[in-house]
Protein backbone atom coordinates (compact mmCIF):
# COMPACT_ATOMS: atom_id res chain seq x y z
CA MET A 1 -1.68 -9.20 17.20
CA ARG A 2 -2.91 -7.52 14.97
CA VAL A 3 -4.62 -3.94 14.99
CA PRO A 4 -6.37 -2.27 12.53
CA MET A 5 -5.66 1.62 11.83
CA THR A 6 -7.89 2.22 8.57
CA GLU A 7 -11.16 0.62 6.80
CA TYR A 8 -8.00 -1.29 4.67
CA LEU A 9 -5.58 -0.84 6.56
CA MET A 10 -3.92 -3.02 9.47
CA ILE A 11 -0.30 -3.45 11.46
CA ASP A 12 0.98 -6.85 12.67
CA LEU A 13 2.94 -6.08 15.74
CA ASN A 14 4.04 -9.53 15.63
CA SER A 15 6.05 -9.49 12.48
CA GLU A 16 5.85 -5.75 12.10
CA ARG A 17 4.17 -5.40 8.58
CA TRP A 18 1.57 -3.35 6.74
CA LEU A 19 -1.64 -5.74 6.08
CA CYS A 20 -4.90 -5.22 3.64
CA ARG A 21 -7.48 -5.75 5.82
CA VAL A 22 -9.86 -7.20 2.86
CA CYS A 23 -7.10 -9.36 1.53
CA GLY A 24 -3.96 -9.76 3.74
CA HIS A 25 -1.70 -8.07 1.22
CA ASP A 26 1.65 -7.17 3.20
CA PHE A 27 2.35 -3.33 2.20
CA GLY A 28 5.89 -3.84 3.55
CA ASP A 29 7.41 -3.18 7.06
CA ALA A 30 5.49 -1.52 9.07
CA ARG A 31 8.67 0.81 10.59
CA ASP A 32 8.61 2.36 6.48
CA THR A 33 5.59 3.69 5.97
CA TYR A 34 2.88 1.12 3.16
CA LYS A 35 2.59 3.74 0.94
CA LYS A 36 5.48 2.03 -0.98
CA GLY A 37 4.12 -0.82 -1.15
CA THR A 38 0.50 0.47 -2.98
CA LEU A 39 3.03 1.64 -5.92
CA ILE A 40 2.42 -0.78 -8.85
CA TYR A 41 5.02 1.04 -11.24
CA ASP A 42 6.10 4.27 -12.29
CA ARG A 43 4.81 5.76 -15.20
CA ASN A 44 5.08 9.19 -17.88
CA LEU A 45 1.91 10.42 -17.87
CA ARG A 46 2.63 12.67 -20.86
CA ARG A 47 3.71 9.83 -23.50
CA ASP A 48 1.44 7.27 -21.67
CA SER A 49 -1.91 9.78 -22.14
CA PRO A 50 -3.67 11.03 -24.71
CA PRO A 51 -4.46 14.81 -24.48
CA PRO A 52 -8.10 16.25 -23.29
CA SER A 53 -10.12 17.07 -25.11
C-alpha cells in the first residue's frame, strides 16, 4: 500500500521504502530519512563556485 506524504513523496508500506510520487524513484529505507536518497554528491562550494561580484 502506497501512502502519499507530501506533494512529491510517498511511502510504500509493503516494502518500507520512500518513493517519488512523480517518477517512482526509490529514496531508500522508510526507517531512515528520505533525504539521504536525495543527496547526489558533496562538493566544496568555496572551491567549485566563483565568489559573488
